[in-house]
Amino acid sequence: MSKKFMTLLFLAFISAVTPVTGTAEGYKVETIGALTEPKVSAEVRNVLDSKGLRVTDAKGKVVCEIWLRKDLPGDGEEIAAAVFSKIGEGTLAGVINFPAAGGDFRGQGLKPGWFTLRYGLILQDGNHLGVSPTRDFFILCPLGEDGNPQKRLTFDEMMKLSRNASGTGHPSCWSLVPATDEKSLPRIVTNEHEHVVVEFTLSTKSGPLAIGMIVVGKTEG
């Protein structure tokens, strides 16, 4: 069975198990200006897009702010059960700010602060079965410890930094899913588990990727 056919089967499976139930009531995403935060080095700011995204809840409270990388290398390899592996594991994909405490997809608490977003893949072992319909995640790393945007971190390097972000023995992981539609991005939707998903376009040298990142909600697995 060809790799292409297996990929199509997997995408069909994703569509079947994670239908969209509608917009996330009260949640909004808006476009904001360039990142000017002095805590973020000029080296990192220079690789980011000139516009960011701000997600707010029904009370207008800011959930998070995201600035995506403007031109990802996109030189990763196709990997089984992964949708966005062309990004390349360990690649810096953006920067995120949490003005208030929150929680990741694992349900771990997260203190307010600035973090890098690195692309990572969940391990395929017995400890992670049923955690997510895809292997694709953004791994949060403390901004102050991750200052080289051109370097692709190894798996072990990412895990070490992300454990520092979570303050636990497990990295801070944020699930990625295919966007429901490639048009009219960015937008907010919910899935069948009532997770709040912000959908956006990530630019790579091999073409745009329409991605959904779960920003509110945790795994049931």
C-alpha atoms as a PDB file:
ATOM      1  CA  MET A   1       0.000   0.000   0.000  1.00  0.00           C
ATOM      2  CA  SER A   2       1.519   3.347  -1.063  1.00  0.00           C
ATOM      3  CA  LYS A   3       2.432   6.145   1.375  1.00  0.00           C
ATOM      4  CA  LYS A   4       0.127   8.524  -0.523  1.00  0.00           C
ATOM      5  CA  PHE A   5      -2.831   6.153  -0.173  1.00  0.00           C
ATOM      6  CA  MET A   6      -2.141   5.704   3.546  1.00  0.00           C
ATOM      7  CA  THR A   7      -2.049   9.491   3.984  1.00  0.00           C
ATOM      8  CA  LEU A   8      -5.421   9.871   2.246  1.00  0.00           C
ATOM      9  CA  LEU A   9      -6.907   7.181   4.471  1.00  0.00           C
ATOM     10  CA  PHE A  10      -5.588   8.916   7.550  1.00  0.00           C
ATOM     11  CA  LEU A  11      -6.982  12.298   6.529  1.00  0.00           C
ATOM     12  CA  ALA A  12     -10.344  10.682   5.871  1.00  0.00           C
ATOM     13  CA  PHE A  13     -10.204   9.188   9.365  1.00  0.00           C
ATOM     14  CA  ILE A  14      -9.436  12.607  10.879  1.00  0.00           C
ATOM     15  CA  SER A  15     -12.385  14.160   9.076  1.00  0.00           C
ATOM     16  CA  ALA A  16     -14.644  11.409  10.371  1.00  0.00           C
ATOM     17  CA  VAL A  17     -13.665  11.590  14.034  1.00  0.00           C
ATOM     18  CA  THR A  18     -13.253  15.352  14.460  1.00  0.00           C
ATOM     19  CA  PRO A  19     -16.164  17.122  12.799  1.00  0.00           C
ATOM     20  CA  VAL A  20     -16.667  20.802  13.438  1.00  0.00           C
ATOM     21  CA  THR A  21     -19.759  21.668  15.455  1.00  0.00           C
ATOM     22  CA  GLY A  22     -19.694  25.403  14.838  1.00  0.00           C
ATOM     23  CA  THR A  23     -18.044  28.608  15.928  1.00  0.00           C
ATOM     24  CA  ALA A  24     -16.775  28.848  19.495  1.00  0.00           C
ATOM     25  CA  GLU A  25     -19.485  30.904  21.165  1.00  0.00           C
ATOM     26  CA  GLY A  26     -18.076  34.119  22.548  1.00  0.00           C
ATOM     27  CA  TYR A  27     -14.475  33.390  21.524  1.00  0.00           C
ATOM     28  CA  LYS A  28     -12.927  35.632  18.893  1.00  0.00           C
ATOM     29  CA  VAL A  29      -9.686  35.937  16.968  1.00  0.00           C
ATOM     30  CA  GLU A  30      -8.443  39.256  15.642  1.00  0.00           C
ATOM     31  CA  THR A  31      -5.393  40.390  13.718  1.00  0.00           C
ATOM     32  CA  ILE A  32      -2.925  42.549  15.655  1.00  0.00           C
ATOM     33  CA  GLY A  33       0.300  44.352  14.802  1.00  0.00           C
ATOM     34  CA  ALA A  34       3.924  43.323  14.797  1.00  0.00           C
ATOM     35  CA  LEU A  35       5.572  41.904  17.895  1.00  0.00           C
ATOM     36  CA  THR A  36       7.474  44.650  19.717  1.00  0.00           C
ATOM     37  CA  GLU A  37       7.880  43.030  23.137  1.00  0.00           C
ATOM     38  CA  PRO A  38      11.460  43.736  24.314  1.00  0.00           C
ATOM     39  CA  LYS A  39      11.572  40.346  26.057  1.00  0.00           C
ATOM     40  CA  VAL A  40      11.659  38.808  22.579  1.00  0.00           C
ATOM     41  CA  SER A  41      15.073  39.158  20.961  1.00  0.00           C
ATOM     42  CA  ALA A  42      15.467  40.997  17.661  1.00  0.00           C
ATOM     43  CA  GLU A  43      16.794  37.763  16.164  1.00  0.00           C
ATOM     44  CA  VAL A  44      13.505  36.002  16.907  1.00  0.00           C
ATOM     45  CA  ARG A  45      11.297  38.987  16.012  1.00  0.00           C
ATOM     46  CA  ASN A  46      12.968  39.226  12.603  1.00  0.00           C
ATOM     47  CA  VAL A  47      11.685  35.796  11.517  1.00  0.00           C
ATOM     48  CA  LEU A  48       8.085  36.504  12.560  1.00  0.00           C
ATOM     49  CA  ASP A  49       5.240  37.828  10.450  1.00  0.00           C
ATOM     50  CA  SER A  50       4.427  41.537  10.740  1.00  0.00           C
ATOM     51  CA  LYS A  51       0.946  40.673  12.020  1.00  0.00           C
ATOM     52  CA  GLY A  52      -0.123  38.504  14.916  1.00  0.00           C
ATOM     53  CA  LEU A  53      -3.312  36.896  16.238  1.00  0.00           C
ATOM     54  CA  ARG A  54      -5.157  37.620  19.477  1.00  0.00           C
ATOM     55  CA  VAL A  55      -7.695  35.146  20.884  1.00  0.00           C
ATOM     56  CA  THR A  56     -10.243  36.446  23.416  1.00  0.00           C
ATOM     57  CA  ASP A  57     -13.002  34.696  25.373  1.00  0.00           C
ATOM     58  CA  ALA A  58     -16.651  35.624  25.826  1.00  0.00           C
ATOM     59  CA  LYS A  59     -15.742  38.222  28.473  1.00  0.00           C
ATOM     60  CA  GLY A  60     -13.111  39.843  26.269  1.00  0.00           C
ATOM     61  CA  LYS A  61     -10.242  38.373  28.291  1.00  0.00           C
ATOM     62  CA  VAL A  62      -7.150  37.628  26.211  1.00  0.00           C
ATOM     63  CA  VAL A  63      -6.501  33.890  26.052  1.00  0.00           C
ATOM     64  CA  CYS A  64      -3.302  34.162  24.047  1.00  0.00           C
ATOM     65  CA  GLU A  65      -1.450  36.140  21.394  1.00  0.00           C
ATOM     66  CA  ILE A  66       0.410  34.380  18.589  1.00  0.00           C
ATOM     67  CA  TRP A  67       2.980  35.573  16.067  1.00  0.00           C
ATOM     68  CA  LEU A  68       3.778  32.996  13.401  1.00  0.00           C
ATOM     69  CA  ARG A  69       6.991  32.595  11.491  1.00  0.00           C
ATOM     70  CA  LYS A  70       6.739  34.334   8.133  1.00  0.00           C
ATOM     71  CA  ASP A  71       8.697  31.830   6.039  1.00  0.00           C
ATOM     72  CA  LEU A  72       9.191  28.340   7.425  1.00  0.00           C
ATOM     73  CA  PRO A  73      11.806  26.182   5.700  1.00  0.00           C
ATOM     74  CA  GLY A  74       9.255  23.390   5.259  1.00  0.00           C
ATOM     75  CA  ASP A  75      11.957  20.821   4.607  1.00  0.00           C
ATOM     76  CA  GLY A  76      10.696  18.040   6.860  1.00  0.00           C
ATOM     77  CA  GLU A  77       9.910  14.516   5.685  1.00  0.00           C
ATOM     78  CA  GLU A  78       6.514  12.829   5.412  1.00  0.00           C
ATOM     79  CA  ILE A  79       5.877  10.823   8.570  1.00  0.00           C
ATOM     80  CA  ALA A  80       3.147   8.246   9.157  1.00  0.00           C
ATOM     81  CA  ALA A  81       0.070   9.518  11.062  1.00  0.00           C
ATOM     82  CA  ALA A  82       1.394  13.106  10.962  1.00  0.00           C
ATOM     83  CA  VAL A  83      -0.355  15.801   8.940  1.00  0.00           C
ATOM     84  CA  PHE A  84       2.159  18.657   9.098  1.00  0.00           C
ATOM     85  CA  SER A  85       5.495  16.841   9.252  1.00  0.00           C
ATOM     86  CA  LYS A  86       6.762  18.901   6.303  1.00  0.00           C
ATOM     87  CA  ILE A  87       7.326  21.668   8.874  1.00  0.00           C
ATOM     88  CA  GLY A  88      10.164  19.605  10.287  1.00  0.00           C
ATOM     89  CA  GLU A  89      10.318  18.405  13.885  1.00  0.00           C
ATOM     90  CA  GLY A  90      12.095  20.879  16.136  1.00  0.00           C
ATOM     91  CA  THR A  91      11.484  23.866  13.821  1.00  0.00           C
ATOM     92  CA  LEU A  92      10.529  27.211  15.344  1.00  0.00           C
ATOM     93  CA  ALA A  93       7.013  28.023  14.108  1.00  0.00           C
ATOM     94  CA  GLY A  94       6.222  31.110  16.150  1.00  0.00           C
ATOM     95  CA  VAL A  95       5.952  32.838  19.512  1.00  0.00           C
ATOM     96  CA  ILE A  96       2.998  32.827  21.905  1.00  0.00           C
ATOM     97  CA  ASN A  97       2.106  35.016  24.864  1.00  0.00           C
ATOM     98  CA  PHE A  98      -0.239  34.038  27.689  1.00  0.00           C
ATOM     99  CA  PRO A  99      -1.189  37.169  29.674  1.00  0.00           C
ATOM    100  CA  ALA A 100      -2.909  35.005  32.301  1.00  0.00           C
ATOM    101  CA  ALA A 101      -2.462  31.496  33.651  1.00  0.00           C
ATOM    102  CA  GLY A 102      -3.954  28.708  31.557  1.00  0.00           C
ATOM    103  CA  GLY A 103      -3.657  25.027  30.768  1.00  0.00           C
ATOM    104  CA  ASP A 104      -2.287  22.921  27.923  1.00  0.00           C
ATOM    105  CA  PHE A 105      -3.796  20.014  25.985  1.00  0.00           C
ATOM    106  CA  ARG A 106      -2.632  17.598  28.674  1.00  0.00           C
ATOM    107  CA  GLY A 107      -4.431  19.636  31.328  1.00  0.00           C
ATOM    108  CA  GLN A 108      -1.233  20.913  32.904  1.00  0.00           C
ATOM    109  CA  GLY A 109      -1.279  24.399  34.340  1.00  0.00           C
ATOM    110  CA  LEU A 110       0.754  27.077  32.586  1.00  0.00           C
ATOM    111  CA  LYS A 111       1.964  30.299  34.148  1.00  0.00           C
ATOM    112  CA  PRO A 112       1.606  33.616  32.293  1.00  0.00           C
ATOM    113  CA  GLY A 113       4.526  34.381  30.025  1.00  0.00           C
ATOM    114  CA  TRP A 114       6.211  34.234  26.638  1.00  0.00           C
ATOM    115  CA  PHE A 115       7.090  30.989  24.882  1.00  0.00           C
ATOM    116  CA  THR A 116       8.361  29.756  21.546  1.00  0.00           C
ATOM    117  CA  LEU A 117       6.287  27.314  19.498  1.00  0.00           C
ATOM    118  CA  ARG A 118       8.296  24.379  18.186  1.00  0.00           C
ATOM    119  CA  TYR A 119       6.790  21.706  15.950  1.00  0.00           C
ATOM    120  CA  GLY A 120       6.835  18.262  17.527  1.00  0.00           C
ATOM    121  CA  LEU A 121       5.409  14.769  17.133  1.00  0.00           C
ATOM    122  CA  ILE A 122       3.773  12.730  19.850  1.00  0.00           C
ATOM    123  CA  LEU A 123       5.461   9.409  20.550  1.00  0.00           C
ATOM    124  CA  GLN A 124       3.771   6.319  19.189  1.00  0.00           C
ATOM    125  CA  ASP A 125       3.789   4.133  22.258  1.00  0.00           C
ATOM    126  CA  GLY A 126       1.348   2.674  24.753  1.00  0.00           C
ATOM    127  CA  ASN A 127       1.511   5.732  27.002  1.00  0.00           C
ATOM    128  CA  HIS A 128       0.072   8.031  24.323  1.00  0.00           C
ATOM    129  CA  LEU A 129      -2.662   5.944  22.696  1.00  0.00           C
ATOM    130  CA  GLY A 130      -5.884   7.899  22.223  1.00  0.00           C
ATOM    131  CA  VAL A 131      -4.361  11.200  23.344  1.00  0.00           C
ATOM    132  CA  SER A 132      -4.922  12.945  20.010  1.00  0.00           C
ATOM    133  CA  PRO A 133      -6.225  12.065  16.526  1.00  0.00           C
ATOM    134  CA  THR A 134      -2.960  13.346  15.023  1.00  0.00           C
ATOM    135  CA  ARG A 135       0.689  13.187  16.055  1.00  0.00           C
ATOM    136  CA  ASP A 136       1.139  16.908  15.412  1.00  0.00           C
ATOM    137  CA  PHE A 137       1.730  19.381  18.246  1.00  0.00           C
ATOM    138  CA  PHE A 138       3.273  22.711  19.048  1.00  0.00           C
ATOM    139  CA  ILE A 139       5.706  22.266  21.917  1.00  0.00           C
ATOM    140  CA  LEU A 140       6.063  25.299  24.169  1.00  0.00           C
ATOM    141  CA  CYS A 141       9.575  26.299  25.261  1.00  0.00           C
ATOM    142  CA  PRO A 142      10.504  29.187  27.571  1.00  0.00           C
ATOM    143  CA  LEU A 143      11.407  32.169  25.415  1.00  0.00           C
ATOM    144  CA  GLY A 144      14.419  33.058  27.520  1.00  0.00           C
ATOM    145  CA  GLU A 145      15.928  29.622  26.950  1.00  0.00           C
ATOM    146  CA  ASP A 146      15.187  29.306  23.230  1.00  0.00           C
ATOM    147  CA  GLY A 147      16.766  32.192  21.362  1.00  0.00           C
ATOM    148  CA  ASN A 148      18.051  30.707  18.084  1.00  0.00           C
ATOM    149  CA  PRO A 149      15.224  30.693  15.510  1.00  0.00           C
ATOM    150  CA  GLN A 150      17.375  29.087  12.807  1.00  0.00           C
ATOM    151  CA  LYS A 151      18.231  25.997  14.843  1.00  0.00           C
ATOM    152  CA  ARG A 152      16.079  22.889  14.644  1.00  0.00           C
ATOM    153  CA  LEU A 153      16.047  21.405  18.102  1.00  0.00           C
ATOM    154  CA  THR A 154      16.429  17.687  18.633  1.00  0.00           C
ATOM    155  CA  PHE A 155      13.578  15.828  20.289  1.00  0.00           C
ATOM    156  CA  ASP A 156      15.494  15.629  23.561  1.00  0.00           C
ATOM    157  CA  GLU A 157      16.352  19.342  23.465  1.00  0.00           C
ATOM    158  CA  MET A 158      12.702  20.244  22.917  1.00  0.00           C
ATOM    159  CA  MET A 159      11.486  17.985  25.708  1.00  0.00           C
ATOM    160  CA  LYS A 160      14.001  19.394  28.179  1.00  0.00           C
ATOM    161  CA  LEU A 161      13.056  23.001  27.426  1.00  0.00           C
ATOM    162  CA  SER A 162       9.331  22.297  27.389  1.00  0.00           C
ATOM    163  CA  ARG A 163       9.448  20.597  30.774  1.00  0.00           C
ATOM    164  CA  ASN A 164      10.877  23.855  32.043  1.00  0.00           C
ATOM    165  CA  ALA A 165       7.845  25.618  30.539  1.00  0.00           C
ATOM    166  CA  SER A 166       5.332  23.300  32.198  1.00  0.00           C
ATOM    167  CA  GLY A 167       7.239  22.934  35.462  1.00  0.00           C
ATOM    168  CA  THR A 168       6.444  19.202  35.421  1.00  0.00           C
ATOM    169  CA  GLY A 169       8.023  16.019  34.114  1.00  0.00           C
ATOM    170  CA  HIS A 170       5.983  16.309  30.909  1.00  0.00           C
ATOM    171  CA  PRO A 171       6.356  18.858  28.078  1.00  0.00           C
ATOM    172  CA  SER A 172       3.698  21.484  27.418  1.00  0.00           C
ATOM    173  CA  CYS A 173       1.941  20.207  24.284  1.00  0.00           C
ATOM    174  CA  TRP A 174      -0.698  21.958  22.168  1.00  0.00           C
ATOM    175  CA  SER A 175      -2.564  19.800  19.673  1.00  0.00           C
ATOM    176  CA  LEU A 176      -2.631  20.663  15.956  1.00  0.00           C
ATOM    177  CA  VAL A 177      -5.400  19.547  13.603  1.00  0.00           C
ATOM    178  CA  PRO A 178      -6.231  20.213   9.948  1.00  0.00           C
ATOM    179  CA  ALA A 179      -8.197  23.441   9.442  1.00  0.00           C
ATOM    180  CA  THR A 180     -11.837  22.896   8.532  1.00  0.00           C
ATOM    181  CA  ASP A 181     -11.484  25.132   5.484  1.00  0.00           C
ATOM    182  CA  GLU A 182      -8.564  26.935   3.875  1.00  0.00           C
ATOM    183  CA  LYS A 183     -10.664  30.040   3.219  1.00  0.00           C
ATOM    184  CA  SER A 184     -11.498  32.979   5.481  1.00  0.00           C
ATOM    185  CA  LEU A 185      -8.611  32.412   7.871  1.00  0.00           C
ATOM    186  CA  PRO A 186      -7.988  33.160  10.674  1.00  0.00           C
ATOM    187  CA  ARG A 187     -11.092  32.041  12.543  1.00  0.00           C
ATOM    188  CA  ILE A 188     -12.283  30.268  15.696  1.00  0.00           C
ATOM    189  CA  VAL A 189     -14.208  26.976  15.643  1.00  0.00           C
ATOM    190  CA  THR A 190     -15.042  24.166  18.049  1.00  0.00           C
ATOM    191  CA  ASN A 191     -14.750  20.418  17.498  1.00  0.00           C
ATOM    192  CA  GLU A 192     -16.949  17.592  18.755  1.00  0.00           C
ATOM    193  CA  HIS A 193     -15.148  17.655  22.117  1.00  0.00           C
ATOM    194  CA  GLU A 194     -15.925  21.378  22.516  1.00  0.00           C
ATOM    195  CA  HIS A 195     -12.264  22.267  22.211  1.00  0.00           C
ATOM    196  CA  VAL A 196     -11.707  25.851  21.076  1.00  0.00           C
ATOM    197  CA  VAL A 197      -9.549  25.842  17.946  1.00  0.00           C
ATOM    198  CA  VAL A 198      -7.874  28.841  16.329  1.00  0.00           C
ATOM    199  CA  GLU A 199      -7.331  28.220  12.625  1.00  0.00           C
ATOM    200  CA  PHE A 200      -4.701  30.080  10.612  1.00  0.00           C
ATOM    201  CA  THR A 201      -2.352  29.815   7.646  1.00  0.00           C
ATOM    202  CA  LEU A 202       1.289  28.975   8.249  1.00  0.00           C
ATOM    203  CA  SER A 203       3.581  29.957   5.385  1.00  0.00           C
ATOM    204  CA  THR A 204       6.304  27.559   4.287  1.00  0.00           C
ATOM    205  CA  LYS A 205       8.637  27.523   1.308  1.00  0.00           C
ATOM    206  CA  SER A 206       6.789  24.446   0.035  1.00  0.00           C
ATOM    207  CA  GLY A 207       3.416  26.203   0.240  1.00  0.00           C
ATOM    208  CA  PRO A 208       0.811  27.430   2.776  1.00  0.00           C
ATOM    209  CA  LEU A 209      -0.522  25.125   5.503  1.00  0.00           C
ATOM    210  CA  ALA A 210      -4.012  25.633   6.933  1.00  0.00           C
ATOM    211  CA  ILE A 211      -3.675  24.586  10.564  1.00  0.00           C
ATOM    212  CA  GLY A 212      -5.907  24.478  13.629  1.00  0.00           C
ATOM    213  CA  MET A 213      -4.377  24.805  17.113  1.00  0.00           C
ATOM    214  CA  ILE A 214      -6.445  23.815  20.138  1.00  0.00           C
ATOM    215  CA  VAL A 215      -6.100  26.727  22.567  1.00  0.00           C
ATOM    216  CA  VAL A 216      -8.821  25.812  25.084  1.00  0.00           C
ATOM    217  CA  GLY A 217      -9.601  22.229  26.057  1.00  0.00           C
ATOM    218  CA  LYS A 218      -7.712  19.105  27.007  1.00  0.00           C
ATOM    219  CA  THR A 219      -7.392  15.510  25.850  1.00  0.00           C
ATOM    220  CA  GLU A 220      -9.887  12.936  26.988  1.00  0.00           C
ATOM    221  CA  GLY A 221      -7.310  10.182  26.441  1.00  0.00           C
END
